[in-house]
Amino acid sequence: MKYNITYQEAYASTMQLNVDFEYKEEKYKATCVYYNGSGLEDIDVYNEKHEFSTTEDGLYEIAKEIFENMDIEKHLTL
């Protein structure tokens, strides 16, 4: 059988991003949704006890900066 493929695409419209980071000797986890072509939404930050805390000490801004600078291709898990 002989055939000619003229086009193929695998497209992910959204991705779940996760990071762990330390700030002021405390450990945090952050999650967000990345919409391909639109950016980041729904950024949440949790402490070690999984308590939600996005506003204290600028944690939301820290997490956002980490996500904005993340090399998604390098850290992509399939």
N, C-alpha and C. Protein backbone atom coordinates (compact mmCIF):
# COMPACT_ATOMS: atom_id res chain seq x y z
N MET A 1 0.83 -1.18 0.00
CA MET A 1 0.00 0.00 0.00
C MET A 1 0.87 1.25 0.00
N LYS A 2 0.59 2.13 -0.89
CA LYS A 2 1.32 3.38 -0.95
C LYS A 2 0.34 4.52 -0.71
N TYR A 3 0.73 5.42 0.16
CA TYR A 3 -0.13 6.58 0.44
C TYR A 3 0.75 7.79 0.72
N ASN A 4 0.13 8.96 0.64
CA ASN A 4 0.82 10.21 0.87
C ASN A 4 0.06 11.02 1.92
N ILE A 5 0.66 11.19 3.08
CA ILE A 5 0.04 11.98 4.15
C ILE A 5 0.30 13.45 3.84
N THR A 6 -0.76 14.22 3.78
CA THR A 6 -0.60 15.65 3.48
C THR A 6 -0.70 16.54 4.71
N TYR A 7 -1.28 16.01 5.79
CA TYR A 7 -1.40 16.82 7.00
C TYR A 7 -1.76 15.93 8.18
N GLN A 8 -1.14 16.19 9.32
CA GLN A 8 -1.51 15.56 10.59
C GLN A 8 -1.30 16.58 11.69
N GLU A 9 -2.15 16.53 12.72
CA GLU A 9 -2.00 17.45 13.84
C GLU A 9 -2.53 16.81 15.10
N ALA A 10 -1.81 17.01 16.18
CA ALA A 10 -2.28 16.67 17.52
C ALA A 10 -2.26 17.99 18.29
N TYR A 11 -3.39 18.39 18.78
CA TYR A 11 -3.52 19.72 19.39
C TYR A 11 -4.14 19.60 20.77
N ALA A 12 -3.47 20.15 21.75
CA ALA A 12 -4.01 20.21 23.11
C ALA A 12 -4.49 21.63 23.36
N SER A 13 -5.77 21.81 23.55
CA SER A 13 -6.30 23.16 23.76
C SER A 13 -6.06 23.67 25.17
N THR A 14 -5.97 22.76 26.14
CA THR A 14 -5.68 23.17 27.52
C THR A 14 -4.67 22.21 28.13
N MET A 15 -3.94 22.73 29.11
CA MET A 15 -3.00 21.91 29.87
C MET A 15 -3.08 22.31 31.34
N GLN A 16 -2.91 21.36 32.20
CA GLN A 16 -2.84 21.61 33.64
C GLN A 16 -1.38 21.77 34.01
N LEU A 17 -1.01 22.93 34.56
CA LEU A 17 0.37 23.18 34.97
C LEU A 17 0.46 23.07 36.48
N ASN A 18 1.55 22.48 36.97
CA ASN A 18 1.79 22.31 38.40
C ASN A 18 3.23 22.66 38.72
N VAL A 19 3.43 23.36 39.82
CA VAL A 19 4.78 23.67 40.30
C VAL A 19 4.82 23.56 41.82
N ASP A 20 5.99 23.23 42.32
CA ASP A 20 6.27 23.30 43.76
C ASP A 20 7.34 24.36 43.92
N PHE A 21 7.22 25.17 44.97
CA PHE A 21 8.25 26.18 45.23
C PHE A 21 8.33 26.46 46.71
N GLU A 22 9.44 27.05 47.11
CA GLU A 22 9.65 27.45 48.50
C GLU A 22 9.75 28.96 48.57
N TYR A 23 9.18 29.51 49.62
CA TYR A 23 9.21 30.95 49.85
C TYR A 23 9.17 31.20 51.35
N LYS A 24 10.11 31.97 51.83
CA LYS A 24 10.22 32.26 53.26
C LYS A 24 10.20 30.98 54.10
N GLU A 25 11.00 30.02 53.67
CA GLU A 25 11.18 28.74 54.37
C GLU A 25 9.91 27.91 54.47
N GLU A 26 8.92 28.19 53.64
CA GLU A 26 7.69 27.40 53.57
C GLU A 26 7.59 26.78 52.18
N LYS A 27 6.96 25.61 52.10
CA LYS A 27 6.77 24.93 50.82
C LYS A 27 5.35 25.14 50.31
N TYR A 28 5.24 25.36 49.01
CA TYR A 28 3.95 25.61 48.38
C TYR A 28 3.81 24.80 47.09
N LYS A 29 2.58 24.55 46.72
CA LYS A 29 2.22 23.93 45.45
C LYS A 29 1.27 24.89 44.75
N ALA A 30 1.45 25.04 43.46
CA ALA A 30 0.56 25.89 42.69
C ALA A 30 0.08 25.13 41.46
N THR A 31 -1.15 25.40 41.07
CA THR A 31 -1.73 24.80 39.87
C THR A 31 -2.38 25.90 39.05
N CYS A 32 -2.52 25.64 37.76
CA CYS A 32 -3.27 26.54 36.91
C CYS A 32 -3.64 25.83 35.62
N VAL A 33 -4.52 26.45 34.88
CA VAL A 33 -4.90 25.94 33.56
C VAL A 33 -4.27 26.86 32.53
N TYR A 34 -3.58 26.25 31.56
CA TYR A 34 -3.02 27.00 30.45
C TYR A 34 -3.88 26.74 29.22
N TYR A 35 -4.46 27.80 28.68
CA TYR A 35 -5.26 27.71 27.46
C TYR A 35 -4.36 28.06 26.29
N ASN A 36 -4.12 27.10 25.43
CA ASN A 36 -3.23 27.28 24.30
C ASN A 36 -3.68 28.47 23.45
N GLY A 37 -2.84 29.46 23.36
CA GLY A 37 -3.15 30.65 22.59
C GLY A 37 -3.78 31.77 23.41
N SER A 38 -4.23 31.47 24.63
CA SER A 38 -4.90 32.49 25.45
C SER A 38 -4.18 32.80 26.75
N GLY A 39 -3.43 31.88 27.28
CA GLY A 39 -2.68 32.15 28.50
C GLY A 39 -3.15 31.38 29.71
N LEU A 40 -2.82 31.91 30.89
CA LEU A 40 -3.05 31.25 32.18
C LEU A 40 -4.35 31.70 32.82
N GLU A 41 -5.02 30.75 33.46
CA GLU A 41 -6.21 31.07 34.25
C GLU A 41 -6.28 30.13 35.45
N ASP A 42 -7.08 30.52 36.41
CA ASP A 42 -7.36 29.68 37.58
C ASP A 42 -6.10 29.29 38.35
N ILE A 43 -5.27 30.26 38.66
CA ILE A 43 -4.06 29.98 39.45
C ILE A 43 -4.46 29.81 40.91
N ASP A 44 -4.07 28.68 41.49
CA ASP A 44 -4.32 28.39 42.90
C ASP A 44 -3.00 28.04 43.56
N VAL A 45 -2.82 28.49 44.80
CA VAL A 45 -1.61 28.21 45.57
C VAL A 45 -2.02 27.56 46.89
N TYR A 46 -1.30 26.50 47.27
CA TYR A 46 -1.59 25.77 48.49
C TYR A 46 -0.32 25.62 49.31
N ASN A 47 -0.46 25.63 50.62
CA ASN A 47 0.70 25.36 51.47
C ASN A 47 0.85 23.86 51.66
N GLU A 48 1.82 23.46 52.49
CA GLU A 48 2.09 22.02 52.70
C GLU A 48 0.89 21.26 53.22
N LYS A 49 0.04 21.91 53.98
CA LYS A 49 -1.14 21.25 54.55
C LYS A 49 -2.32 21.28 53.58
N HIS A 50 -2.06 21.69 52.35
CA HIS A 50 -3.05 21.81 51.28
C HIS A 50 -4.13 22.83 51.62
N GLU A 51 -3.71 23.86 52.35
CA GLU A 51 -4.62 24.96 52.65
C GLU A 51 -4.48 26.01 51.56
N PHE A 52 -5.58 26.45 51.03
CA PHE A 52 -5.62 27.44 49.95
C PHE A 52 -5.10 28.78 50.46
N SER A 53 -4.13 29.39 49.75
CA SER A 53 -3.60 30.68 50.21
C SER A 53 -2.99 31.45 49.04
N THR A 54 -3.79 32.16 48.29
CA THR A 54 -3.25 32.86 47.12
C THR A 54 -2.90 34.31 47.38
N THR A 55 -3.36 34.91 48.43
CA THR A 55 -3.14 36.34 48.60
C THR A 55 -2.03 36.69 49.57
N GLU A 56 -1.76 35.85 50.53
CA GLU A 56 -0.76 36.21 51.54
C GLU A 56 0.65 36.27 50.95
N ASP A 57 1.38 37.28 51.32
CA ASP A 57 2.79 37.44 50.96
C ASP A 57 3.06 37.41 49.46
N GLY A 58 2.11 37.76 48.64
CA GLY A 58 2.34 37.81 47.21
C GLY A 58 2.50 36.46 46.54
N LEU A 59 1.96 35.40 47.16
CA LEU A 59 2.13 34.06 46.62
C LEU A 59 1.51 33.89 45.23
N TYR A 60 0.38 34.53 45.00
CA TYR A 60 -0.26 34.46 43.68
C TYR A 60 0.69 35.02 42.61
N GLU A 61 1.30 36.15 42.90
CA GLU A 61 2.21 36.78 41.95
C GLU A 61 3.44 35.92 41.69
N ILE A 62 3.94 35.27 42.75
CA ILE A 62 5.10 34.38 42.60
C ILE A 62 4.73 33.21 41.70
N ALA A 63 3.60 32.58 41.99
CA ALA A 63 3.16 31.44 41.18
C ALA A 63 2.93 31.85 39.73
N LYS A 64 2.31 33.00 39.53
CA LYS A 64 2.05 33.48 38.16
C LYS A 64 3.37 33.68 37.41
N GLU A 65 4.35 34.27 38.07
CA GLU A 65 5.65 34.49 37.44
C GLU A 65 6.31 33.16 37.07
N ILE A 66 6.24 32.19 37.97
CA ILE A 66 6.82 30.87 37.69
C ILE A 66 6.13 30.25 36.47
N PHE A 67 4.80 30.28 36.44
CA PHE A 67 4.07 29.71 35.31
C PHE A 67 4.37 30.45 34.01
N GLU A 68 4.47 31.76 34.05
CA GLU A 68 4.75 32.54 32.85
C GLU A 68 6.13 32.23 32.28
N ASN A 69 7.06 31.87 33.14
CA ASN A 69 8.43 31.58 32.71
C ASN A 69 8.69 30.08 32.50
N MET A 70 7.68 29.26 32.73
CA MET A 70 7.84 27.80 32.63
C MET A 70 8.07 27.39 31.17
N ASP A 71 9.02 26.51 30.96
CA ASP A 71 9.25 25.92 29.64
C ASP A 71 8.33 24.71 29.53
N ILE A 72 7.15 24.93 28.99
CA ILE A 72 6.11 23.90 28.95
C ILE A 72 6.59 22.67 28.18
N GLU A 73 7.24 22.88 27.04
CA GLU A 73 7.72 21.74 26.24
C GLU A 73 8.70 20.88 27.03
N LYS A 74 9.55 21.50 27.83
CA LYS A 74 10.54 20.76 28.61
C LYS A 74 9.87 19.92 29.71
N HIS A 75 8.78 20.41 30.27
CA HIS A 75 8.16 19.75 31.41
C HIS A 75 6.86 19.02 31.07
N LEU A 76 6.57 18.87 29.80
CA LEU A 76 5.33 18.22 29.37
C LEU A 76 5.37 16.73 29.68
N THR A 77 4.31 16.24 30.32
CA THR A 77 4.17 14.83 30.63
C THR A 77 2.99 14.30 29.81
N LEU A 78 3.23 13.24 29.08
CA LEU A 78 2.15 12.66 28.27
C LEU A 78 1.60 11.41 28.91
